[in-house]
PDB file of N, CA and C in Angstrom:
ATOM      1  N   UNK A   1       6.973-156.079-117.258  1.00  0.00           N
ATOM      2  CA  UNK A   1       7.965-155.036-117.382  1.00  0.00           C
ATOM      3  C   UNK A   1       7.455-154.016-118.400  1.00  0.00           C
ATOM      4  N   UNK A   2       7.696-152.742-118.158  1.00  0.00           N
ATOM      5  CA  UNK A   2       7.264-151.694-119.077  1.00  0.00           C
ATOM      6  C   UNK A   2       8.485-150.868-119.486  1.00  0.00           C
ATOM      7  N   UNK A   3       8.527-150.450-120.764  1.00  0.00           N
ATOM      8  CA  UNK A   3       9.647-149.705-121.313  1.00  0.00           C
ATOM      9  C   UNK A   3       9.486-148.220-120.998  1.00  0.00           C
ATOM     10  N   UNK A   4      10.384-147.670-120.189  1.00  0.00           N
ATOM     11  CA  UNK A   4      10.383-146.250-119.863  1.00  0.00           C
ATOM     12  C   UNK A   4      11.719-145.632-120.280  1.00  0.00           C
ATOM     13  N   UNK A   5      12.244-146.022-121.431  1.00  0.00           N
ATOM     14  CA  UNK A   5      13.525-145.570-121.997  1.00  0.00           C
ATOM     15  C   UNK A   5      14.674-145.887-121.074  1.00  0.00           C
ATOM     16  N   UNK A   6      15.140-144.971-120.268  1.00  0.00           N
ATOM     17  CA  UNK A   6      16.326-145.202-119.438  1.00  0.00           C
ATOM     18  C   UNK A   6      16.010-145.989-118.180  1.00  0.00           C
ATOM     19  N   UNK A   7      14.766-146.210-117.902  1.00  0.00           N
ATOM     20  CA  UNK A   7      14.362-146.934-116.713  1.00  0.00           C
ATOM     21  C   UNK A   7      13.549-148.162-117.113  1.00  0.00           C
ATOM     22  N   UNK A   8      13.615-149.159-116.291  1.00  0.00           N
ATOM     23  CA  UNK A   8      12.780-150.337-116.484  1.00  0.00           C
ATOM     24  C   UNK A   8      11.983-150.521-115.204  1.00  0.00           C
ATOM     25  N   UNK A   9      10.703-150.718-115.345  1.00  0.00           N
ATOM     26  CA  UNK A   9       9.850-150.841-114.168  1.00  0.00           C
ATOM     27  C   UNK A   9       9.065-152.138-114.268  1.00  0.00           C
ATOM     28  N   UNK A  10       9.014-152.871-113.179  1.00  0.00           N
ATOM     29  CA  UNK A  10       8.220-154.089-113.115  1.00  0.00           C
ATOM     30  C   UNK A  10       6.790-153.727-112.763  1.00  0.00           C
ATOM     31  N   UNK A  11       5.865-154.267-113.514  1.00  0.00           N
ATOM     32  CA  UNK A  11       4.440-154.058-113.270  1.00  0.00           C
ATOM     33  C   UNK A  11       3.882-155.356-112.694  1.00  0.00           C
ATOM     34  N   UNK A  12       3.228-155.308-111.547  1.00  0.00           N
ATOM     35  CA  UNK A  12       2.680-156.530-110.946  1.00  0.00           C
ATOM     36  C   UNK A  12       1.689-157.237-111.883  1.00  0.00           C
ATOM     37  N   UNK A  13       1.720-158.552-111.841  1.00  0.00           N
ATOM     38  CA  UNK A  13       0.794-159.346-112.649  1.00  0.00           C
ATOM     39  C   UNK A  13      -0.640-158.959-112.300  1.00  0.00           C
ATOM     40  N   UNK A  14      -1.464-158.785-113.335  1.00  0.00           N
ATOM     41  CA  UNK A  14      -2.858-158.442-113.133  1.00  0.00           C
ATOM     42  C   UNK A  14      -3.139-156.945-113.156  1.00  0.00           C
ATOM     43  N   UNK A  15      -2.080-156.121-113.299  1.00  0.00           N
ATOM     44  CA  UNK A  15      -2.268-154.670-113.347  1.00  0.00           C
ATOM     45  C   UNK A  15      -2.983-154.288-114.635  1.00  0.00           C
ATOM     46  N   UNK A  16      -4.008-153.457-114.531  1.00  0.00           N
ATOM     47  CA  UNK A  16      -4.762-152.998-115.694  1.00  0.00           C
ATOM     48  C   UNK A  16      -3.983-151.863-116.361  1.00  0.00           C
ATOM     49  N   UNK A  17      -3.539-152.074-117.587  1.00  0.00           N
ATOM     50  CA  UNK A  17      -2.777-151.065-118.320  1.00  0.00           C
ATOM     51  C   UNK A  17      -3.640-150.279-119.288  1.00  0.00           C
ATOM     52  N   UNK A  18      -4.888-150.649-119.430  1.00  0.00           N
ATOM     53  CA  UNK A  18      -5.767-149.944-120.362  1.00  0.00           C
ATOM     54  C   UNK A  18      -5.979-150.753-121.619  1.00  0.00           C
ATOM     55  N   UNK A  19      -6.589-150.129-122.577  1.00  0.00           N
ATOM     56  CA  UNK A  19      -6.899-150.792-123.845  1.00  0.00           C
ATOM     57  C   UNK A  19      -5.874-150.372-124.878  1.00  0.00           C
ATOM     58  N   UNK A  20      -5.297-151.329-125.585  1.00  0.00           N
ATOM     59  CA  UNK A  20      -4.349-151.034-126.641  1.00  0.00           C
ATOM     60  C   UNK A  20      -5.097-150.894-127.966  1.00  0.00           C
ATOM     61  N   UNK A  21      -4.771-149.832-128.701  1.00  0.00           N
ATOM     62  CA  UNK A  21      -5.374-149.588-130.001  1.00  0.00           C
ATOM     63  C   UNK A  21      -4.271-149.445-131.041  1.00  0.00           C
ATOM     64  N   UNK A  22      -4.596-149.794-132.265  1.00  0.00           N
ATOM     65  CA  UNK A  22      -3.676-149.541-133.363  1.00  0.00           C
ATOM     66  C   UNK A  22      -3.606-148.028-133.582  1.00  0.00           C
ATOM     67  N   UNK A  23      -2.395-147.503-133.796  1.00  0.00           N
ATOM     68  CA  UNK A  23      -2.231-146.064-133.986  1.00  0.00           C
ATOM     69  C   UNK A  23      -1.224-145.801-135.096  1.00  0.00           C
ATOM     70  N   UNK A  24      -1.407-144.673-135.775  1.00  0.00           N
ATOM     71  CA  UNK A  24      -0.472-144.240-136.805  1.00  0.00           C
ATOM     72  C   UNK A  24      -0.018-142.822-136.476  1.00  0.00           C
ATOM     73  N   UNK A  25       1.258-142.537-136.729  1.00  0.00           N
ATOM     74  CA  UNK A  25       1.833-141.228-136.446  1.00  0.00           C
ATOM     75  C   UNK A  25       1.384-140.240-137.518  1.00  0.00           C
ATOM     76  N   UNK A  26       1.058-139.010-137.082  1.00  0.00           N
ATOM     77  CA  UNK A  26       0.626-137.956-138.001  1.00  0.00           C
ATOM     78  C   UNK A  26       1.598-136.785-137.964  1.00  0.00           C
ATOM     79  N   UNK A  27       1.792-136.152-139.110  1.00  0.00           N
ATOM     80  CA  UNK A  27       2.483-134.873-139.192  1.00  0.00           C
ATOM     81  C   UNK A  27       1.416-133.822-139.439  1.00  0.00           C
ATOM     82  N   UNK A  28       1.506-132.688-138.742  1.00  0.00           N
ATOM     83  CA  UNK A  28       0.532-131.619-138.958  1.00  0.00           C
ATOM     84  C   UNK A  28       0.914-130.879-140.228  1.00  0.00           C
ATOM     85  N   UNK A  29       0.003-130.800-141.199  1.00  0.00           N
ATOM     86  CA  UNK A  29       0.314-130.109-142.456  1.00  0.00           C
ATOM     87  C   UNK A  29       0.625-128.634-142.206  1.00  0.00           C
ATOM     88  N   UNK A  30       1.539-128.099-143.025  1.00  0.00           N
ATOM     89  CA  UNK A  30       1.892-126.687-142.958  1.00  0.00           C
ATOM     90  C   UNK A  30       1.359-126.001-144.206  1.00  0.00           C
ATOM     91  N   UNK A  31       1.086-124.697-144.109  1.00  0.00           N
ATOM     92  CA  UNK A  31       0.613-123.944-145.262  1.00  0.00           C
ATOM     93  C   UNK A  31       1.788-123.524-146.124  1.00  0.00           C
ATOM     94  N   UNK A  32       1.614-123.614-147.446  1.00  0.00           N
ATOM     95  CA  UNK A  32       2.616-123.052-148.342  1.00  0.00           C
ATOM     96  C   UNK A  32       2.192-121.637-148.707  1.00  0.00           C
ATOM     97  N   UNK A  33       2.849-121.021-149.660  1.00  0.00           N
ATOM     98  CA  UNK A  33       2.554-119.635-150.027  1.00  0.00           C
ATOM     99  C   UNK A  33       1.149-119.449-150.576  1.00  0.00           C
ATOM    100  N   UNK A  34       0.548-120.498-151.104  1.00  0.00           N
ATOM    101  CA  UNK A  34      -0.797-120.415-151.689  1.00  0.00           C
ATOM    102  C   UNK A  34      -1.873-120.825-150.695  1.00  0.00           C
ATOM    103  N   UNK A  35      -1.528-120.892-149.394  1.00  0.00           N
ATOM    104  CA  UNK A  35      -2.451-121.333-148.348  1.00  0.00           C
ATOM    105  C   UNK A  35      -2.994-122.730-148.594  1.00  0.00           C
ATOM    106  N   UNK A  36      -2.193-123.557-149.246  1.00  0.00           N
ATOM    107  CA  UNK A  36      -2.560-124.947-149.473  1.00  0.00           C
ATOM    108  C   UNK A  36      -1.781-125.784-148.465  1.00  0.00           C
ATOM    109  N   UNK A  37      -2.460-126.582-147.633  1.00  0.00           N
ATOM    110  CA  UNK A  37      -1.751-127.380-146.638  1.00  0.00           C
ATOM    111  C   UNK A  37      -0.830-128.395-147.297  1.00  0.00           C
ATOM    112  N   UNK A  38       0.344-128.549-146.732  1.00  0.00           N
ATOM    113  CA  UNK A  38       1.284-129.555-147.209  1.00  0.00           C
ATOM    114  C   UNK A  38       1.974-130.151-145.993  1.00  0.00           C
ATOM    115  N   UNK A  39       2.481-131.367-146.146  1.00  0.00           N
ATOM    116  CA  UNK A  39       3.213-132.014-145.073  1.00  0.00           C
ATOM    117  C   UNK A  39       4.681-131.927-145.431  1.00  0.00           C
ATOM    118  N   UNK A  40       5.482-131.303-144.553  1.00  0.00           N
ATOM    119  CA  UNK A  40       6.906-131.147-144.833  1.00  0.00           C
ATOM    120  C   UNK A  40       7.637-132.439-144.510  1.00  0.00           C
ATOM    121  N   UNK A  41       8.768-132.622-145.174  1.00  0.00           N
ATOM    122  CA  UNK A  41       9.566-133.816-144.942  1.00  0.00           C
ATOM    123  C   UNK A  41      11.029-133.420-145.012  1.00  0.00           C
ATOM    124  N   UNK A  42      11.838-133.887-144.089  1.00  0.00           N
ATOM    125  CA  UNK A  42      13.270-133.638-144.112  1.00  0.00           C
ATOM    126  C   UNK A  42      13.895-134.687-145.007  1.00  0.00           C
ATOM    127  N   UNK A  43      14.635-134.259-146.017  1.00  0.00           N
ATOM    128  CA  UNK A  43      15.147-135.174-147.036  1.00  0.00           C
ATOM    129  C   UNK A  43      16.130-136.194-146.495  1.00  0.00           C
ATOM    130  N   UNK A  44      17.009-135.782-145.558  1.00  0.00           N
ATOM    131  CA  UNK A  44      18.034-136.689-145.066  1.00  0.00           C
ATOM    132  C   UNK A  44      17.525-137.663-144.005  1.00  0.00           C
ATOM    133  N   UNK A  45      16.390-137.380-143.425  1.00  0.00           N
ATOM    134  CA  UNK A  45      15.852-138.244-142.368  1.00  0.00           C
ATOM    135  C   UNK A  45      15.152-139.453-142.978  1.00  0.00           C
ATOM    136  N   UNK A  46      15.339-140.603-142.339  1.00  0.00           N
ATOM    137  CA  UNK A  46      14.639-141.778-142.829  1.00  0.00           C
ATOM    138  C   UNK A  46      13.172-141.652-142.420  1.00  0.00           C
ATOM    139  N   UNK A  47      12.247-141.994-143.313  1.00  0.00           N
ATOM    140  CA  UNK A  47      10.829-141.837-142.990  1.00  0.00           C
ATOM    141  C   UNK A  47      10.405-142.784-141.872  1.00  0.00           C
ATOM    142  N   UNK A  48       9.499-142.310-141.049  1.00  0.00           N
ATOM    143  CA  UNK A  48       8.958-143.111-139.959  1.00  0.00           C
ATOM    144  C   UNK A  48       7.973-144.097-140.575  1.00  0.00           C
ATOM    145  N   UNK A  49       8.187-145.395-140.404  1.00  0.00           N
ATOM    146  CA  UNK A  49       7.289-146.381-141.034  1.00  0.00           C
ATOM    147  C   UNK A  49       5.867-146.331-140.491  1.00  0.00           C
ATOM    148  N   UNK A  50       5.676-145.705-139.342  1.00  0.00           N
ATOM    149  CA  UNK A  50       4.347-145.629-138.736  1.00  0.00           C
ATOM    150  C   UNK A  50       3.601-144.349-139.103  1.00  0.00           C
ATOM    151  N   UNK A  51       4.210-143.474-139.920  1.00  0.00           N
ATOM    152  CA  UNK A  51       3.598-142.196-140.260  1.00  0.00           C
ATOM    153  C   UNK A  51       2.590-142.370-141.392  1.00  0.00           C
ATOM    154  N   UNK A  52       1.446-141.718-141.232  1.00  0.00           N
ATOM    155  CA  UNK A  52       0.389-141.759-142.240  1.00  0.00           C
ATOM    156  C   UNK A  52       0.848-141.032-143.495  1.00  0.00           C
ATOM    157  N   UNK A  53       0.541-141.582-144.660  1.00  0.00           N
ATOM    158  CA  UNK A  53       0.829-140.952-145.940  1.00  0.00           C
ATOM    159  C   UNK A  53       0.178-139.577-145.979  1.00  0.00           C
ATOM    160  N   UNK A  54       0.867-138.583-146.554  1.00  0.00           N
ATOM    161  CA  UNK A  54       0.365-137.199-146.589  1.00  0.00           C
ATOM    162  C   UNK A  54      -1.029-137.105-147.204  1.00  0.00           C
ATOM    163  N   UNK A  55      -1.312-137.900-148.214  1.00  0.00           N
ATOM    164  CA  UNK A  55      -2.621-137.841-148.865  1.00  0.00           C
ATOM    165  C   UNK A  55      -3.725-138.442-148.010  1.00  0.00           C
ATOM    166  N   UNK A  56      -3.360-139.305-147.055  1.00  0.00           N
ATOM    167  CA  UNK A  56      -4.342-139.928-146.169  1.00  0.00           C
ATOM    168  C   UNK A  56      -4.450-139.204-144.832  1.00  0.00           C
ATOM    169  N   UNK A  57      -3.679-138.141-144.641  1.00  0.00           N
ATOM    170  CA  UNK A  57      -3.671-137.406-143.383  1.00  0.00           C
ATOM    171  C   UNK A  57      -5.032-136.745-143.163  1.00  0.00           C
ATOM    172  N   UNK A  58      -5.693-137.017-142.038  1.00  0.00           N
ATOM    173  CA  UNK A  58      -7.025-136.454-141.816  1.00  0.00           C
ATOM    174  C   UNK A  58      -7.023-134.941-141.627  1.00  0.00           C
ATOM    175  N   UNK A  59      -5.849-134.336-141.409  1.00  0.00           N
ATOM    176  CA  UNK A  59      -5.784-132.894-141.190  1.00  0.00           C
ATOM    177  C   UNK A  59      -5.502-132.104-142.459  1.00  0.00           C
ATOM    178  N   UNK A  60      -5.378-132.767-143.595  1.00  0.00           N
ATOM    179  CA  UNK A  60      -4.995-132.092-144.832  1.00  0.00           C
ATOM    180  C   UNK A  60      -6.010-131.027-145.256  1.00  0.00           C
ATOM    181  N   UNK A  61      -7.273-131.190-144.921  1.00  0.00           N
ATOM    182  CA  UNK A  61      -8.298-130.213-145.298  1.00  0.00           C
ATOM    183  C   UNK A  61      -8.676-129.269-144.153  1.00  0.00           C
ATOM    184  N   UNK A  62      -7.960-129.330-143.038  1.00  0.00           N
ATOM    185  CA  UNK A  62      -8.239-128.442-141.923  1.00  0.00           C
ATOM    186  C   UNK A  62      -7.790-127.025-142.256  1.00  0.00           C
ATOM    187  N   UNK A  63      -8.501-126.030-141.714  1.00  0.00           N
ATOM    188  CA  UNK A  63      -8.071-124.649-141.887  1.00  0.00           C
ATOM    189  C   UNK A  63      -6.873-124.402-140.966  1.00  0.00           C
ATOM    190  N   UNK A  64      -6.097-123.373-141.289  1.00  0.00           N
ATOM    191  CA  UNK A  64      -4.864-123.107-140.553  1.00  0.00           C
ATOM    192  C   UNK A  64      -5.112-122.914-139.059  1.00  0.00           C
ATOM    193  N   UNK A  65      -6.175-122.218-138.679  1.00  0.00           N
ATOM    194  CA  UNK A  65      -6.452-121.969-137.261  1.00  0.00           C
ATOM    195  C   UNK A  65      -6.644-123.288-136.502  1.00  0.00           C
ATOM    196  N   UNK A  66      -7.297-124.242-137.125  1.00  0.00           N
ATOM    197  CA  UNK A  66      -7.524-125.537-136.469  1.00  0.00           C
ATOM    198  C   UNK A  66      -6.207-126.311-136.334  1.00  0.00           C
ATOM    199  N   UNK A  67      -5.359-126.280-137.384  1.00  0.00           N
ATOM    200  CA  UNK A  67      -4.053-126.946-137.301  1.00  0.00           C
ATOM    201  C   UNK A  67      -3.173-126.277-136.251  1.00  0.00           C
ATOM    202  N   UNK A  68      -3.214-124.928-136.177  1.00  0.00           N
ATOM    203  CA  UNK A  68      -2.443-124.210-135.164  1.00  0.00           C
ATOM    204  C   UNK A  68      -2.925-124.570-133.762  1.00  0.00           C
ATOM    205  N   UNK A  69      -4.235-124.774-133.603  1.00  0.00           N
ATOM    206  CA  UNK A  69      -4.775-125.210-132.315  1.00  0.00           C
ATOM    207  C   UNK A  69      -4.235-126.569-131.916  1.00  0.00           C
ATOM    208  N   UNK A  70      -4.120-127.480-132.877  1.00  0.00           N
ATOM    209  CA  UNK A  70      -3.577-128.814-132.590  1.00  0.00           C
ATOM    210  C   UNK A  70      -2.100-128.708-132.219  1.00  0.00           C
ATOM    211  N   UNK A  71      -1.355-127.841-132.911  1.00  0.00           N
ATOM    212  CA  UNK A  71       0.045-127.615-132.542  1.00  0.00           C
ATOM    213  C   UNK A  71       0.140-127.062-131.118  1.00  0.00           C
ATOM    214  N   UNK A  72      -0.753-126.131-130.776  1.00  0.00           N
ATOM    215  CA  UNK A  72      -0.772-125.553-129.436  1.00  0.00           C
ATOM    216  C   UNK A  72      -1.033-126.600-128.369  1.00  0.00           C
ATOM    217  N   UNK A  73      -1.958-127.530-128.644  1.00  0.00           N
ATOM    218  CA  UNK A  73      -2.216-128.620-127.697  1.00  0.00           C
ATOM    219  C   UNK A  73      -0.971-129.479-127.504  1.00  0.00           C
ATOM    220  N   UNK A  74      -0.243-129.704-128.601  1.00  0.00           N
ATOM    221  CA  UNK A  74       1.001-130.471-128.513  1.00  0.00           C
ATOM    222  C   UNK A  74       2.038-129.771-127.659  1.00  0.00           C
ATOM    223  N   UNK A  75       2.147-128.447-127.806  1.00  0.00           N
ATOM    224  CA  UNK A  75       3.087-127.681-126.990  1.00  0.00           C
ATOM    225  C   UNK A  75       2.698-127.735-125.518  1.00  0.00           C
ATOM    226  N   UNK A  76       1.408-127.603-125.221  1.00  0.00           N
ATOM    227  CA  UNK A  76       0.943-127.693-123.837  1.00  0.00           C
ATOM    228  C   UNK A  76       1.251-129.074-123.250  1.00  0.00           C
ATOM    229  N   UNK A  77       1.051-130.115-124.056  1.00  0.00           N
ATOM    230  CA  UNK A  77       1.319-131.485-123.618  1.00  0.00           C
ATOM    231  C   UNK A  77       2.806-131.648-123.296  1.00  0.00           C
ATOM    232  N   UNK A  78       3.689-131.171-124.201  1.00  0.00           N
ATOM    233  CA  UNK A  78       5.135-131.258-123.964  1.00  0.00           C
ATOM    234  C   UNK A  78       5.539-130.460-122.722  1.00  0.00           C
ATOM    235  N   UNK A  79       4.967-129.263-122.558  1.00  0.00           N
ATOM    236  CA  UNK A  79       5.284-128.441-121.385  1.00  0.00           C
ATOM    237  C   UNK A  79       4.867-129.130-120.088  1.00  0.00           C
ATOM    238  N   UNK A  80       3.699-129.729-120.082  1.00  0.00           N
ATOM    239  CA  UNK A  80       3.215-130.438-118.894  1.00  0.00           C
ATOM    240  C   UNK A  80       4.122-131.616-118.572  1.00  0.00           C
ATOM    241  N   UNK A  81       4.502-132.380-119.603  1.00  0.00           N
ATOM    242  CA  UNK A  81       5.402-133.512-119.376  1.00  0.00           C
ATOM    243  C   UNK A  81       6.756-133.036-118.858  1.00  0.00           C
ATOM    244  N   UNK A  82       7.271-131.915-119.408  1.00  0.00           N
ATOM    245  CA  UNK A  82       8.567-131.386-118.969  1.00  0.00           C
ATOM    246  C   UNK A  82       8.518-131.003-117.497  1.00  0.00           C
ATOM    247  N   UNK A  83       7.399-130.427-117.054  1.00  0.00           N
ATOM    248  CA  UNK A  83       7.246-130.078-115.638  1.00  0.00           C
ATOM    249  C   UNK A  83       7.289-131.313-114.753  1.00  0.00           C
ATOM    250  N   UNK A  84       6.875-132.446-115.316  1.00  0.00           N
ATOM    251  CA  UNK A  84       6.894-133.708-114.577  1.00  0.00           C
ATOM    252  C   UNK A  84       8.230-134.441-114.724  1.00  0.00           C
ATOM    253  N   UNK A  85       9.163-133.831-115.489  1.00  0.00           N
ATOM    254  CA  UNK A  85      10.474-134.441-115.691  1.00  0.00           C
ATOM    255  C   UNK A  85      10.507-135.463-116.807  1.00  0.00           C
ATOM    256  N   UNK A  86       9.482-135.497-117.638  1.00  0.00           N
ATOM    257  CA  UNK A  86       9.430-136.435-118.766  1.00  0.00           C
ATOM    258  C   UNK A  86       9.801-135.658-120.024  1.00  0.00           C
ATOM    259  N   UNK A  87      10.970-135.964-120.577  1.00  0.00           N
ATOM    260  CA  UNK A  87      11.485-135.204-121.709  1.00  0.00           C
ATOM    261  C   UNK A  87      11.512-136.029-122.991  1.00  0.00           C
ATOM    262  N   UNK A  88      10.757-137.106-123.037  1.00  0.00           N
ATOM    263  CA  UNK A  88      10.718-137.963-124.216  1.00  0.00           C
ATOM    264  C   UNK A  88      10.033-137.259-125.379  1.00  0.00           C
ATOM    265  N   UNK A  89      10.294-137.764-126.572  1.00  0.00           N
ATOM    266  CA  UNK A  89       9.680-137.235-127.788  1.00  0.00           C
ATOM    267  C   UNK A  89       8.171-137.473-127.738  1.00  0.00           C
ATOM    268  N   UNK A  90       7.412-136.478-128.170  1.00  0.00           N
ATOM    269  CA  UNK A  90       5.962-136.641-128.232  1.00  0.00           C
ATOM    270  C   UNK A  90       5.532-136.804-129.680  1.00  0.00           C
ATOM    271  N   UNK A  91       4.439-137.509-129.865  1.00  0.00           N
ATOM    272  CA  UNK A  91       3.902-137.781-131.196  1.00  0.00           C
ATOM    273  C   UNK A  91       2.410-137.471-131.227  1.00  0.00           C
ATOM    274  N   UNK A  92       1.948-137.036-132.374  1.00  0.00           N
ATOM    275  CA  UNK A  92       0.518-136.942-132.622  1.00  0.00           C
ATOM    276  C   UNK A  92       0.136-138.203-133.368  1.00  0.00           C
ATOM    277  N   UNK A  93      -0.828-138.938-132.839  1.00  0.00           N
ATOM    278  CA  UNK A  93      -1.209-140.202-133.464  1.00  0.00           C
ATOM    279  C   UNK A  93      -2.701-140.231-133.750  1.00  0.00           C
ATOM    280  N   UNK A  94      -3.043-141.010-134.752  1.00  0.00           N
ATOM    281  CA  UNK A  94      -4.437-141.288-135.077  1.00  0.00           C
ATOM    282  C   UNK A  94      -4.715-142.688-134.563  1.00  0.00           C
ATOM    283  N   UNK A  95      -5.655-142.788-133.621  1.00  0.00           N
ATOM    284  CA  UNK A  95      -5.997-144.069-133.002  1.00  0.00           C
ATOM    285  C   UNK A  95      -7.309-144.553-133.579  1.00  0.00           C
ATOM    286  N   UNK A  96      -7.306-145.794-134.034  1.00  0.00           N
ATOM    287  CA  UNK A  96      -8.528-146.389-134.562  1.00  0.00           C
ATOM    288  C   UNK A  96      -9.276-147.052-133.413  1.00  0.00           C
ATOM    289  N   UNK A  97     -10.296-146.356-132.916  1.00  0.00           N
ATOM    290  CA  UNK A  97     -11.076-146.868-131.790  1.00  0.00           C
ATOM    291  C   UNK A  97     -11.985-148.009-132.231  1.00  0.00           C
ATOM    292  N   UNK A  98     -12.603-147.852-133.394  1.00  0.00           N
ATOM    293  CA  UNK A  98     -13.433-148.899-133.987  1.00  0.00           C
ATOM    294  C   UNK A  98     -13.132-148.914-135.476  1.00  0.00           C
ATOM    295  N   UNK A  99     -13.787-149.775-136.211  1.00  0.00           N
ATOM    296  CA  UNK A  99     -13.565-149.808-137.662  1.00  0.00           C
ATOM    297  C   UNK A  99     -13.923-148.494-138.329  1.00  0.00           C
ATOM    298  N   UNK A 100     -14.984-147.864-137.850  1.00  0.00           N
ATOM    299  CA  UNK A 100     -15.483-146.649-138.487  1.00  0.00           C
ATOM    300  C   UNK A 100     -14.931-145.373-137.859  1.00  0.00           C
ATOM    301  N   UNK A 101     -14.511-145.430-136.602  1.00  0.00           N
ATOM    302  CA  UNK A 101     -14.142-144.222-135.885  1.00  0.00           C
ATOM    303  C   UNK A 101     -12.666-144.202-135.514  1.00  0.00           C
ATOM    304  N   UNK A 102     -12.104-143.006-135.557  1.00  0.00           N
ATOM    305  CA  UNK A 102     -10.738-142.807-135.089  1.00  0.00           C
ATOM    306  C   UNK A 102     -10.667-141.463-134.385  1.00  0.00           C
ATOM    307  N   UNK A 103      -9.600-141.266-133.614  1.00  0.00           N
ATOM    308  CA  UNK A 103      -9.417-139.999-132.918  1.00  0.00           C
ATOM    309  C   UNK A 103      -7.935-139.644-132.954  1.00  0.00           C
ATOM    310  N   UNK A 104      -7.644-138.377-132.692  1.00  0.00           N
ATOM    311  CA  UNK A 104      -6.270-137.901-132.649  1.00  0.00           C
ATOM    312  C   UNK A 104      -5.879-137.677-131.198  1.00  0.00           C
ATOM    313  N   UNK A 105      -4.689-138.138-130.815  1.00  0.00           N
ATOM    314  CA  UNK A 105      -4.192-137.982-129.449  1.00  0.00           C
ATOM    315  C   UNK A 105      -2.705-137.663-129.477  1.00  0.00           C
ATOM    316  N   UNK A 106      -2.262-136.876-128.506  1.00  0.00           N
ATOM    317  CA  UNK A 106      -0.832-136.674-128.282  1.00  0.00           C
ATOM    318  C   UNK A 106      -0.371-137.742-127.312  1.00  0.00           C
ATOM    319  N   UNK A 107       0.824-138.294-127.522  1.00  0.00           N
ATOM    320  CA  UNK A 107       1.351-139.321-126.632  1.00  0.00           C
ATOM    321  C   UNK A 107       2.878-139.254-126.616  1.00  0.00           C
ATOM    322  N   UNK A 108       3.480-140.015-125.728  1.00  0.00           N
ATOM    323  CA  UNK A 108       4.933-140.127-125.644  1.00  0.00           C
ATOM    324  C   UNK A 108       5.358-141.293-126.528  1.00  0.00           C
ATOM    325  N   UNK A 109       6.444-141.107-127.270  1.00  0.00           N
ATOM    326  CA  UNK A 109       6.956-142.149-128.164  1.00  0.00           C
ATOM    327  C   UNK A 109       7.679-143.211-127.342  1.00  0.00           C
ATOM    328  N   UNK A 110       7.089-144.391-127.233  1.00  0.00           N
ATOM    329  CA  UNK A 110       7.675-145.502-126.467  1.00  0.00           C
ATOM    330  C   UNK A 110       8.021-146.671-127.375  1.00  0.00           C
ATOM    331  N   UNK A 111       8.310-146.397-128.640  1.00  0.00           N
ATOM    332  CA  UNK A 111       8.554-147.486-129.576  1.00  0.00           C
ATOM    333  C   UNK A 111       9.959-148.036-129.525  1.00  0.00           C
ATOM    334  N   UNK A 112      10.928-147.284-129.012  1.00  0.00           N
ATOM    335  CA  UNK A 112      12.317-147.712-129.016  1.00  0.00           C
ATOM    336  C   UNK A 112      12.665-148.581-127.821  1.00  0.00           C
ATOM    337  N   UNK A 113      13.855-149.157-127.885  1.00  0.00           N
ATOM    338  CA  UNK A 113      14.369-149.944-126.784  1.00  0.00           C
ATOM    339  C   UNK A 113      15.034-149.021-125.779  1.00  0.00           C
ATOM    340  N   UNK A 114      14.960-149.320-124.489  1.00  0.00           N
ATOM    341  CA  UNK A 114      15.628-148.479-123.499  1.00  0.00           C
ATOM    342  C   UNK A 114      17.153-148.579-123.666  1.00  0.00           C
ATOM    343  N   UNK A 115      17.864-147.463-123.388  1.00  0.00           N
ATOM    344  CA  UNK A 115      19.326-147.456-123.481  1.00  0.00           C
ATOM    345  C   UNK A 115      19.936-148.297-122.367  1.00  0.00           C
ATOM    346  N   UNK A 116      19.326-148.260-121.202  1.00  0.00           N
ATOM    347  CA  UNK A 116      19.828-148.978-120.043  1.00  0.00           C
ATOM    348  C   UNK A 116      18.955-150.208-119.832  1.00  0.00           C
ATOM    349  N   UNK A 117      19.513-151.384-120.115  1.00  0.00           N
ATOM    350  CA  UNK A 117      18.703-152.597-119.993  1.00  0.00           C
ATOM    351  C   UNK A 117      18.965-153.326-118.671  1.00  0.00           C
ATOM    352  N   UNK A 118      19.779-152.734-117.798  1.00  0.00           N
ATOM    353  CA  UNK A 118      20.010-153.351-116.496  1.00  0.00           C
ATOM    354  C   UNK A 118      18.753-153.221-115.640  1.00  0.00           C
ATOM    355  N   UNK A 119      18.400-154.279-114.981  1.00  0.00           N
ATOM    356  CA  UNK A 119      17.203-154.280-114.140  1.00  0.00           C
ATOM    357  C   UNK A 119      17.623-154.468-112.698  1.00  0.00           C
ATOM    358  N   UNK A 120      17.138-153.582-111.845  1.00  0.00           N
ATOM    359  CA  UNK A 120      17.429-153.751-110.408  1.00  0.00           C
ATOM    360  C   UNK A 120      16.122-153.903-109.662  1.00  0.00           C
ATOM    361  N   UNK A 121      16.121-154.821-108.711  1.00  0.00           N
ATOM    362  CA  UNK A 121      14.918-155.083-107.926  1.00  0.00           C
ATOM    363  C   UNK A 121      15.093-154.556-106.528  1.00  0.00           C
TER     364      UNK A 121
END
């Protein structure tokens, strides 16, 4: 069974789902008035336990144009998903491919439980 939020889908035994990697959620740093990147935080929101600490964020030293490019990729990803009827929250994550290497990817947030747990066959 795979979690698709409001839907539940049975996956046949033996189906290849890909390789699972450990991932951490990233916030794209924003520039302050001194052109120093900072990660914004909403005070009333509870922090996401999977979010990388601002000081460990790999994008903290990126120039603004590069961070804006990453934001643009995220917007394109959300737009493409919306065209497909997928309106779930998207996340930027850092995936640890090996001990030494990691990469950044946009993905759909599938960490929560589906609202509708009824299963129909």
